[in-house]
């Protein structure tokens, strides 16, 4: 190759090398300059106001966000506050110590108004949510739209969840939420639920899916003292909740009205208990509960009818009865309480079968009461006129119970008294009749003797 051509080629190589270097420098300058501009913008009031506006529209609330600090792919925000509008899912939301991960492309997309950006992780130290004074609870997590142009939080961790609603709340729970099948998969652990009128319940674990304005409870395990409650089902946030409950060894005393807490003791279990709660435009929804329940280690004491039986039968065994079995099917709804297929038994002592209702504060029940025959010997006429049917080792009598839970009235005691009274009267009458007959006979015999003496017979 001629020298001139070689020199010309070298000059072009130098120019290309120099140009490439300049381009690399320019790209680096643009990148770092753009990143510096992005960092300044991310720390600006304008960026925070833009986030407040977009977030407020999304959750229908007035939002305030503390200054956000960025460090590489990490960000930190000290607090987040939101005041919900009337159509929001909550009244007040507070978030403390929020940290997360973010990518530069996602930040650029957010700055330039793109709807699709990715946040790999958000970690929240504490979330406080206060719901309006209503029984419908919505989750604040937004629905993931069918279009794939929605922002995505891939993992949301909340270390301490505090929820408050009318008459109760949840505290101390931890939650992990992640997108799944167009909705959210939510896993929770720990925490305690309190509700007015009920004993505290500890949360063991919960697995939920929120999708299409519904919450599907795959399994929630709750604990009350030594007992456990398992819940599954679905909550349609604008319609109703359909739940299936399994109870095991739940202490019954805290569930009872005050007047019954000294009378009934034990641990209640149940299977396939179905609970329906209306949620649509209902200020105070009345749930419907139905299923089979039974009592273990049950004890009944201080019931007036049992105390009367103890007095009549001259034994204290009826004042405090340890139950060998106690079961029933129940239905509770807006009309009241219906208890059917009731079986209560203390073996070789007493058994009660029947049904009752509690409607508008009034009890109305019909029962069969069975007692072992031995003690009835102390009540005259009891087996002849009251306990007239014999089966399964007991003699049985019907009993009707009415009144209020505080003032129950039964018709067994009056019938026993009446039977005893009739038996005593009959015995007196029989005794008197025998005495008169004997006196007449004696009189006849005496008269005959006199006549014999007088007339020599």
Protein backbone atom coordinates (compact mmCIF):
# COMPACT_ATOMS: atom_id res chain seq x y z
CA UNK A 1 0.00 0.00 0.00
CA UNK A 2 1.35 3.47 -0.88
CA UNK A 3 2.52 5.57 2.04
CA UNK A 4 0.00 8.32 1.28
CA UNK A 5 -2.89 5.88 1.43
CA UNK A 6 -1.56 4.41 4.66
CA UNK A 7 -1.28 7.82 6.30
CA UNK A 8 -4.80 8.68 5.16
CA UNK A 9 -6.16 5.44 6.66
CA UNK A 10 -4.37 6.10 9.95
CA UNK A 11 -5.86 9.59 10.09
CA UNK A 12 -9.36 8.15 9.65
CA UNK A 13 -8.73 5.58 12.39
CA UNK A 14 -7.57 8.34 14.72
CA UNK A 15 -10.65 10.41 13.87
CA UNK A 16 -12.96 7.44 14.50
CA UNK A 17 -11.22 6.60 17.76
CA UNK A 18 -11.38 10.22 18.89
CA UNK A 19 -15.03 10.48 17.88
CA UNK A 20 -15.87 7.25 19.66
CA UNK A 21 -14.15 8.48 22.78
CA UNK A 22 -16.06 11.74 22.59
CA UNK A 23 -19.34 9.85 22.15
CA UNK A 24 -18.54 7.64 25.13
CA UNK A 25 -17.75 10.69 27.22
CA UNK A 26 -20.94 12.35 26.06
CA UNK A 27 -23.00 9.24 26.89
CA UNK A 28 -21.39 9.02 30.31
CA UNK A 29 -22.00 12.72 30.84
CA UNK A 30 -25.62 12.38 29.78
CA UNK A 31 -26.11 9.37 32.01
CA UNK A 32 -24.56 10.97 35.06
CA UNK A 33 -26.05 14.34 34.25
CA UNK A 34 -29.46 12.75 33.72
CA UNK A 35 -29.09 10.75 36.92
CA UNK A 36 -28.08 13.87 38.82
CA UNK A 37 -31.13 15.66 37.42
CA UNK A 38 -33.31 12.69 38.35
CA UNK A 39 -31.87 12.63 41.86
CA UNK A 40 -32.55 16.35 42.27
CA UNK A 41 -36.08 15.92 40.98
CA UNK A 42 -36.77 12.94 43.23
CA UNK A 43 -35.82 15.05 46.24
CA UNK A 44 -37.92 17.99 45.11
CA UNK A 45 -41.25 19.20 46.46
CA UNK A 46 -42.71 18.92 42.94
CA UNK A 47 -42.03 15.18 42.81
CA UNK A 48 -43.56 14.63 46.26
CA UNK A 49 -46.65 16.64 45.32
CA UNK A 50 -47.01 14.60 42.15
CA UNK A 51 -46.86 11.37 44.19
CA UNK A 52 -49.40 12.72 46.69
CA UNK A 53 -51.77 13.64 43.88
CA UNK A 54 -51.51 10.30 42.05
CA UNK A 55 -51.73 8.26 45.24
CA UNK A 56 -54.67 10.29 46.50
CA UNK A 57 -56.62 9.70 43.29
CA UNK A 58 -55.85 5.98 43.42
CA UNK A 59 -57.02 5.41 47.01
CA UNK A 60 -59.59 8.26 47.12
CA UNK A 61 -57.97 10.16 49.96
CA UNK A 62 -56.11 13.33 50.92
CA UNK A 63 -52.47 12.24 51.09
CA UNK A 64 -49.39 13.72 52.75
CA UNK A 65 -45.96 12.16 52.14
CA UNK A 66 -42.82 13.06 54.11
CA UNK A 67 -39.63 13.90 52.14
CA UNK A 68 -38.23 10.89 50.30
CA UNK A 69 -34.53 10.02 50.37
CA UNK A 70 -32.88 8.02 47.58
CA UNK A 71 -29.64 6.09 47.78
CA UNK A 72 -28.86 4.22 44.59
CA UNK A 73 -31.65 1.72 44.09
CA UNK A 74 -33.03 2.27 47.60
CA UNK A 75 -35.49 4.86 48.90
CA UNK A 76 -36.72 5.78 52.37
CA UNK A 77 -39.75 7.74 53.58
CA UNK A 78 -40.36 8.48 57.24
CA UNK A 79 -44.15 8.72 57.10
CA UNK A 80 -47.23 8.58 54.93
CA UNK A 81 -50.62 9.94 56.01
CA UNK A 82 -53.99 9.70 54.27
CA UNK A 83 -57.46 10.96 55.17
CA UNK A 84 -60.04 8.86 53.32
CA UNK A 85 -63.00 10.36 51.51
CA UNK A 86 -66.50 8.97 52.10
CA UNK A 87 -66.11 6.55 49.20
CA UNK A 88 -62.67 5.37 50.34
CA UNK A 89 -61.96 2.00 51.92
CA UNK A 90 -60.77 3.63 55.18
CA UNK A 91 -61.03 6.80 57.22
CA UNK A 92 -57.39 7.25 58.32
CA UNK A 93 -54.22 5.53 57.14
CA UNK A 94 -50.77 6.04 58.67
CA UNK A 95 -47.54 4.44 57.46
CA UNK A 96 -44.27 4.75 59.40
CA UNK A 97 -40.72 3.98 58.21
CA UNK A 98 -41.28 2.97 54.61
CA UNK A 99 -38.30 1.59 52.68
CA UNK A 100 -38.09 0.11 49.22
CA UNK A 101 -36.23 -0.75 46.06
CA UNK A 102 -36.68 0.98 42.73
CA UNK A 103 -35.06 0.87 39.27
CA UNK A 104 -34.03 3.89 37.18
CA UNK A 105 -36.30 2.90 34.25
CA UNK A 106 -39.25 2.73 36.64
CA UNK A 107 -38.40 6.18 38.03
CA UNK A 108 -38.14 7.61 34.52
CA UNK A 109 -41.47 6.02 33.61
CA UNK A 110 -43.06 7.52 36.72
CA UNK A 111 -41.62 10.99 36.05
CA UNK A 112 -42.86 11.05 32.47
CA UNK A 113 -46.33 9.86 33.39
CA UNK A 114 -46.09 6.26 32.27
CA UNK A 115 -48.57 3.97 34.02
CA UNK A 116 -46.29 0.97 33.99
CA UNK A 117 -43.38 0.92 36.39
CA UNK A 118 -41.94 -1.71 38.69
CA UNK A 119 -41.12 -1.61 42.39
CA UNK A 120 -39.39 -4.84 43.45
CA UNK A 121 -39.95 -4.39 47.18
CA UNK A 122 -41.56 -2.13 49.75
CA UNK A 123 -40.92 -2.71 53.44
CA UNK A 124 -43.20 -0.93 55.97
CA UNK A 125 -42.45 -0.93 59.66
CA UNK A 126 -45.95 0.00 60.83
CA UNK A 127 -49.36 0.46 59.22
CA UNK A 128 -52.31 1.95 61.10
CA UNK A 129 -55.72 1.80 59.42
CA UNK A 130 -58.91 3.16 60.93
CA UNK A 131 -62.12 2.22 59.16
CA UNK A 132 -65.35 4.18 59.13
CA UNK A 133 -67.89 3.21 61.79
CA UNK A 134 -69.33 0.44 59.69
CA UNK A 135 -68.99 -3.29 59.56
CA UNK A 136 -67.83 -3.45 55.93
CA UNK A 137 -64.03 -3.63 55.78
CA UNK A 138 -62.24 -3.14 52.45
CA UNK A 139 -58.54 -3.70 51.93
CA UNK A 140 -56.60 -0.68 50.75
CA UNK A 141 -54.57 -2.71 48.23
CA UNK A 142 -55.58 -1.58 44.72
CA UNK A 143 -56.88 -4.01 42.16
CA UNK A 144 -54.41 -4.97 39.46
CA UNK A 145 -55.99 -4.03 36.13
CA UNK A 146 -56.35 -6.54 33.34
CA UNK A 147 -54.08 -4.38 31.20
CA UNK A 148 -50.42 -4.90 31.94
CA UNK A 149 -49.71 -1.17 32.01
CA UNK A 150 -50.37 -0.79 35.71
CA UNK A 151 -47.65 -0.09 38.26
CA UNK A 152 -46.53 -3.24 40.03
CA UNK A 153 -45.31 -3.64 43.60
CA UNK A 154 -43.80 -7.10 43.50
CA UNK A 155 -43.45 -7.56 47.26
CA UNK A 156 -45.04 -5.59 50.09
CA UNK A 157 -43.95 -6.40 53.64
CA UNK A 158 -45.68 -4.85 56.65
CA UNK A 159 -44.07 -5.70 59.97
CA UNK A 160 -46.78 -4.36 62.30
CA UNK A 161 -50.39 -4.04 61.13
CA UNK A 162 -52.85 -2.13 63.31
CA UNK A 163 -56.51 -2.09 62.22
CA UNK A 164 -59.39 -0.39 64.04
CA UNK A 165 -63.11 -0.61 63.30
CA UNK A 166 -66.31 -0.01 65.20
CA UNK A 167 -66.16 -2.07 68.40
CA UNK A 168 -62.90 -3.85 67.70
CA UNK A 169 -59.55 -4.10 65.96
CA UNK A 170 -56.46 -6.09 65.05
CA UNK A 171 -52.97 -5.38 66.38
CA UNK A 172 -49.49 -6.84 66.06
CA UNK A 173 -49.92 -8.76 62.79
CA UNK A 174 -47.27 -9.06 60.06
CA UNK A 175 -48.25 -9.25 56.38
CA UNK A 176 -46.63 -10.13 53.05
CA UNK A 177 -48.57 -9.20 49.90
CA UNK A 178 -47.64 -9.88 46.28
CA UNK A 179 -49.50 -9.71 42.94
CA UNK A 180 -51.17 -12.97 41.83
CA UNK A 181 -53.57 -13.76 39.00
CA UNK A 182 -54.78 -10.23 38.53
CA UNK A 183 -55.14 -9.63 42.28
CA UNK A 184 -53.11 -9.92 45.47
CA UNK A 185 -51.92 -12.89 47.47
CA UNK A 186 -51.77 -11.99 51.16
CA UNK A 187 -50.12 -14.03 53.90
CA UNK A 188 -50.28 -12.96 57.52
CA UNK A 189 -48.96 -14.17 60.85
CA UNK A 190 -49.45 -13.21 64.46
CA UNK A 191 -51.57 -10.46 65.93
CA UNK A 192 -54.60 -10.28 68.21
CA UNK A 193 -58.23 -9.54 67.37
CA UNK A 194 -60.48 -7.86 69.93
CA UNK A 195 -64.21 -7.30 69.47
CA UNK A 196 -66.73 -5.86 71.90
CA UNK A 197 -68.61 -8.67 73.65
CA UNK A 198 -66.15 -11.41 72.65
CA UNK A 199 -62.93 -12.73 74.24
CA UNK A 200 -59.60 -11.79 72.56
CA UNK A 201 -58.55 -14.06 69.68
CA UNK A 202 -54.94 -14.61 68.62
CA UNK A 203 -54.08 -14.98 64.93
CA UNK A 204 -51.84 -17.96 64.15
CA UNK A 205 -51.72 -17.60 60.37
CA UNK A 206 -53.84 -16.47 57.42
CA UNK A 207 -53.72 -17.00 53.66
CA UNK A 208 -55.94 -14.77 51.53
CA UNK A 209 -56.39 -13.77 47.89
CA UNK A 210 -57.96 -10.44 46.93
CA UNK A 211 -59.35 -10.28 43.42
CA UNK A 212 -62.22 -8.52 41.63
CA UNK A 213 -63.42 -6.72 44.79
CA UNK A 214 -63.57 -10.02 46.66
CA UNK A 215 -61.45 -11.55 49.39
CA UNK A 216 -61.01 -15.32 49.30
CA UNK A 217 -59.95 -16.77 52.65
CA UNK A 218 -58.04 -19.92 51.82
CA UNK A 219 -57.35 -20.62 55.49
CA UNK A 220 -57.16 -18.56 58.64
CA UNK A 221 -56.15 -20.20 61.91
CA UNK A 222 -57.14 -18.41 65.10
CA UNK A 223 -56.61 -19.33 68.75
CA UNK A 224 -58.61 -18.52 71.88
CA UNK A 225 -56.85 -19.70 75.03
CA UNK A 226 -56.51 -23.49 74.53
CA UNK A 227 -59.01 -23.61 71.66
CA UNK A 228 -58.61 -23.13 67.91
CA UNK A 229 -60.82 -21.70 65.20
CA UNK A 230 -60.29 -22.34 61.47
CA UNK A 231 -61.98 -20.08 58.91
CA UNK A 232 -62.33 -20.32 55.14
CA UNK A 233 -64.66 -18.70 52.62
CA UNK A 234 -65.11 -15.49 50.67
CA UNK A 235 -65.99 -11.87 51.36
CA UNK A 236 -67.75 -9.95 48.60
CA UNK A 237 -67.01 -6.42 49.81
CA UNK A 238 -70.22 -4.87 48.50
CA UNK A 239 -72.53 -7.82 49.03
CA UNK A 240 -71.94 -10.42 51.73
CA UNK A 241 -69.47 -12.69 53.49
CA UNK A 242 -69.79 -16.48 53.29
CA UNK A 243 -67.59 -18.24 55.83
CA UNK A 244 -67.08 -21.83 56.96
CA UNK A 245 -65.89 -22.34 60.55
CA UNK A 246 -64.43 -25.28 62.42
CA UNK A 247 -64.26 -24.91 66.22
CA UNK A 248 -62.18 -26.95 68.60
CA UNK A 249 -62.05 -26.64 72.39
CA UNK A 250 -63.24 -23.01 72.63
CA UNK A 251 -63.96 -21.89 76.21
CA UNK A 252 -67.72 -21.36 76.31
CA UNK A 253 -68.06 -19.07 79.35
CA UNK A 254 -66.89 -15.81 77.66
CA UNK A 255 -69.37 -16.43 74.84
CA UNK A 256 -72.38 -16.55 77.17
CA UNK A 257 -74.64 -13.81 78.47
CA UNK A 258 -73.72 -12.59 81.94
CA UNK A 259 -76.59 -14.45 83.62
CA UNK A 260 -75.44 -17.81 82.24
CA UNK A 261 -71.73 -17.56 82.93
CA UNK A 262 -72.15 -19.04 86.41
CA UNK A 263 -74.50 -21.79 85.19
CA UNK A 264 -72.78 -23.35 82.19
CA UNK A 265 -69.10 -24.29 81.85
CA UNK A 266 -67.07 -26.27 79.34
CA UNK A 267 -65.43 -26.12 75.93
CA UNK A 268 -67.42 -25.85 72.73
CA UNK A 269 -66.51 -27.46 69.41
CA UNK A 270 -68.28 -27.38 66.07
CA UNK A 271 -67.98 -28.55 62.50
CA UNK A 272 -69.13 -27.05 59.23
CA UNK A 273 -70.54 -23.95 60.89
CA UNK A 274 -71.73 -21.66 58.12
CA UNK A 275 -71.70 -17.92 58.69
CA UNK A 276 -73.31 -15.41 56.33
CA UNK A 277 -72.94 -11.67 56.93
CA UNK A 278 -74.80 -9.15 54.73
CA UNK A 279 -72.61 -6.19 53.78
CA UNK A 280 -74.62 -4.24 51.19
CA UNK A 281 -75.99 -0.94 52.54
CA UNK A 282 -76.52 -2.34 56.02
CA UNK A 283 -75.60 -0.21 59.02
CA UNK A 284 -75.57 -3.08 61.52
CA UNK A 285 -75.68 -6.40 59.66
CA UNK A 286 -77.03 -9.40 61.56
CA UNK A 287 -75.09 -12.55 60.72
CA UNK A 288 -76.69 -15.93 60.07
CA UNK A 289 -74.94 -18.84 61.79
CA UNK A 290 -75.93 -22.48 61.38
CA UNK A 291 -74.35 -25.85 62.11
CA UNK A 292 -73.71 -28.47 64.75
CA UNK A 293 -71.98 -27.74 68.06
CA UNK A 294 -71.16 -29.82 71.09
CA UNK A 295 -69.82 -29.19 74.57
CA UNK A 296 -66.91 -31.07 76.12
CA UNK A 297 -66.17 -31.21 79.85
CA UNK A 298 -69.54 -29.54 80.35
CA UNK A 299 -70.94 -28.65 83.76
CA UNK A 300 -74.41 -27.25 84.59
CA UNK A 301 -75.13 -25.78 87.99
CA UNK A 302 -77.34 -23.29 89.81
CA UNK A 303 -80.37 -23.88 87.55
CA UNK A 304 -83.65 -23.37 89.49
CA UNK A 305 -85.29 -26.51 88.07
CA UNK A 306 -82.28 -28.63 89.06
CA UNK A 307 -82.23 -27.13 92.55
CA UNK A 308 -85.92 -27.99 92.95
CA UNK A 309 -85.29 -31.54 91.77
CA UNK A 310 -82.46 -31.80 94.28
CA UNK A 311 -84.81 -30.68 97.05
CA UNK A 312 -87.60 -33.02 96.00
CA UNK A 313 -85.32 -36.02 95.43
CA UNK A 314 -83.28 -35.41 98.59
CA UNK A 315 -79.91 -35.52 96.78
CA UNK A 316 -77.37 -32.83 95.94
CA UNK A 317 -76.29 -34.68 92.82
CA UNK A 318 -78.73 -32.53 90.80
CA UNK A 319 -77.34 -29.19 91.98
CA UNK A 320 -74.14 -29.57 89.95
CA UNK A 321 -74.23 -31.93 86.99
CA UNK A 322 -71.19 -33.05 85.03
CA UNK A 323 -72.29 -33.78 81.47
CA UNK A 324 -71.24 -36.91 79.62
CA UNK A 325 -72.61 -35.46 76.38
CA UNK A 326 -74.16 -32.21 75.16
CA UNK A 327 -74.84 -31.42 71.51
CA UNK A 328 -77.29 -29.54 69.29
CA UNK A 329 -77.83 -28.03 65.87
CA UNK A 330 -78.20 -24.26 65.94
CA UNK A 331 -79.38 -21.47 63.70
CA UNK A 332 -78.95 -17.81 64.60
CA UNK A 333 -80.29 -15.08 62.30
CA UNK A 334 -82.12 -11.75 62.35
CA UNK A 335 -85.19 -13.47 63.82
CA UNK A 336 -83.36 -14.94 66.80
CA UNK A 337 -81.87 -18.25 67.95
CA UNK A 338 -83.19 -21.74 67.16
CA UNK A 339 -81.69 -24.78 68.92
CA UNK A 340 -82.82 -28.22 67.76
CA UNK A 341 -81.80 -31.83 68.30
CA UNK A 342 -80.63 -30.90 71.79
CA UNK A 343 -79.18 -33.83 73.72
CA UNK A 344 -77.84 -33.24 77.23
CA UNK A 345 -76.99 -36.17 79.49
CA UNK A 346 -75.23 -37.03 82.70
CA UNK A 347 -75.09 -40.80 82.58
CA UNK A 348 -77.13 -42.71 85.17
CA UNK A 349 -78.53 -39.45 86.53
CA UNK A 350 -80.47 -37.26 84.09
CA UNK A 351 -81.00 -36.71 80.35
CA UNK A 352 -82.72 -33.87 78.49
CA UNK A 353 -83.81 -33.97 74.83
CA UNK A 354 -85.64 -31.20 72.97
CA UNK A 355 -85.59 -27.84 71.21
CA UNK A 356 -86.07 -24.18 72.06
CA UNK A 357 -86.11 -20.72 70.51
CA UNK A 358 -84.91 -17.36 71.80
CA UNK A 359 -86.78 -14.62 69.93
CA UNK A 360 -87.12 -11.00 71.05
CA UNK A 361 -85.66 -11.91 74.41
CA UNK A 362 -88.23 -14.67 75.07
CA UNK A 363 -87.40 -18.36 75.52
CA UNK A 364 -89.87 -21.01 74.37
CA UNK A 365 -88.77 -24.63 74.63
CA UNK A 366 -90.22 -28.14 74.80
CA UNK A 367 -88.15 -30.95 76.31
CA UNK A 368 -88.26 -34.53 77.49
CA UNK A 369 -86.60 -34.97 80.88
CA UNK A 370 -85.34 -38.41 81.86
CA UNK A 371 -84.35 -39.38 85.41
CA UNK A 372 -83.16 -42.70 86.82
CA UNK A 373 -86.07 -44.24 88.76
CA UNK A 374 -84.32 -44.59 92.12
CA UNK A 375 -84.48 -41.00 93.37
CA UNK A 376 -88.15 -40.62 92.36
CA UNK A 377 -89.18 -42.81 95.33
CA UNK A 378 -88.99 -39.66 97.43
CA UNK A 379 -91.71 -37.92 95.40
CA UNK A 380 -95.08 -39.64 95.88
CA UNK A 381 -97.00 -40.04 92.63
CA UNK A 382 -94.10 -38.92 90.44
CA UNK A 383 -93.90 -42.11 88.39
CA UNK A 384 -97.63 -42.70 88.34
CA UNK A 385 -98.60 -39.23 87.06
CA UNK A 386 -95.49 -37.35 85.79
CA UNK A 387 -92.60 -39.62 84.76
CA UNK A 388 -94.77 -42.14 83.00
CA UNK A 389 -92.58 -43.35 80.09
CA UNK A 390 -89.62 -45.67 80.53
CA UNK A 391 -86.77 -46.15 78.01
CA UNK A 392 -82.95 -46.18 77.86
CA UNK A 393 -82.68 -46.68 81.62
CA UNK A 394 -84.64 -43.49 82.46
CA UNK A 395 -88.24 -42.60 83.22
CA UNK A 396 -89.34 -39.60 81.14
CA UNK A 397 -91.61 -36.59 81.53
CA UNK A 398 -92.34 -33.65 79.21
CA UNK A 399 -91.31 -30.14 80.28
CA UNK A 400 -92.14 -26.71 78.84
CA UNK A 401 -89.83 -23.76 79.49
CA UNK A 402 -90.78 -20.12 78.82
CA UNK A 403 -89.78 -16.62 79.92
CA UNK A 404 -86.64 -14.53 79.66
CA UNK A 405 -83.11 -15.89 80.13
CA UNK A 406 -83.05 -14.09 83.50
CA UNK A 407 -86.43 -15.41 84.61
CA UNK A 408 -87.11 -18.86 83.18
CA UNK A 409 -90.31 -20.66 84.11
CA UNK A 410 -90.86 -24.41 83.75
CA UNK A 411 -93.93 -26.53 84.28
CA UNK A 412 -92.30 -29.71 85.61
CA UNK A 413 -92.00 -28.60 89.24
CA UNK A 414 -95.70 -27.63 89.60
CA UNK A 415 -96.75 -30.98 88.13
CA UNK A 416 -94.49 -32.83 90.54
CA UNK A 417 -95.96 -30.87 93.47
CA UNK A 418 -99.48 -31.55 92.29
CA UNK A 419 -98.76 -35.25 91.85
CA UNK A 420 -97.20 -35.45 95.30
CA UNK A 421 -100.16 -33.62 96.83
CA UNK A 422 -102.68 -35.89 95.13
CA UNK A 423 -100.75 -38.94 96.29
CA UNK A 424 -100.79 -37.72 99.90
CA UNK A 425 -104.52 -36.94 99.77
CA UNK A 426 -105.24 -40.35 98.27
CA UNK A 427 -103.19 -42.01 100.99
CA UNK A 428 -105.03 -40.07 103.71
CA UNK A 429 -108.38 -40.89 102.13
CA UNK A 430 -107.48 -44.55 101.86
CA UNK A 431 -106.30 -44.59 105.47
CA UNK A 432 -109.51 -42.88 106.66
CA UNK A 433 -111.71 -45.24 104.65
CA UNK A 434 -109.95 -48.26 106.12
CA UNK A 435 -110.41 -46.85 109.65
CA UNK A 436 -114.15 -46.25 109.16
CA UNK A 437 -114.69 -49.69 107.68
CA UNK A 438 -112.85 -51.25 110.61
CA UNK A 439 -114.92 -49.24 113.12
CA UNK A 440 -118.20 -50.27 111.49
CA UNK A 441 -117.18 -53.90 111.51
CA UNK A 442 -116.20 -53.63 115.14
CA UNK A 443 -119.49 -51.89 115.94
CA UNK A 444 -121.43 -54.60 114.21
CA UNK A 445 -119.54 -57.24 116.11
CA UNK A 446 -120.09 -55.38 119.36
CA UNK A 447 -123.81 -54.98 118.77
CA UNK A 448 -124.15 -58.62 117.96
CA UNK A 449 -122.49 -59.51 121.22
CA UNK A 450 -124.83 -57.31 123.23
CA UNK A 451 -127.87 -58.74 121.50
CA UNK A 452 -126.63 -62.22 122.22
CA UNK A 453 -126.33 -61.38 125.89
CA UNK A 454 -129.68 -59.69 126.04
CA UNK A 455 -131.65 -62.23 124.17
CA UNK A 456 -129.68 -65.22 125.21
CA UNK A 457 -128.32 -66.08 121.81
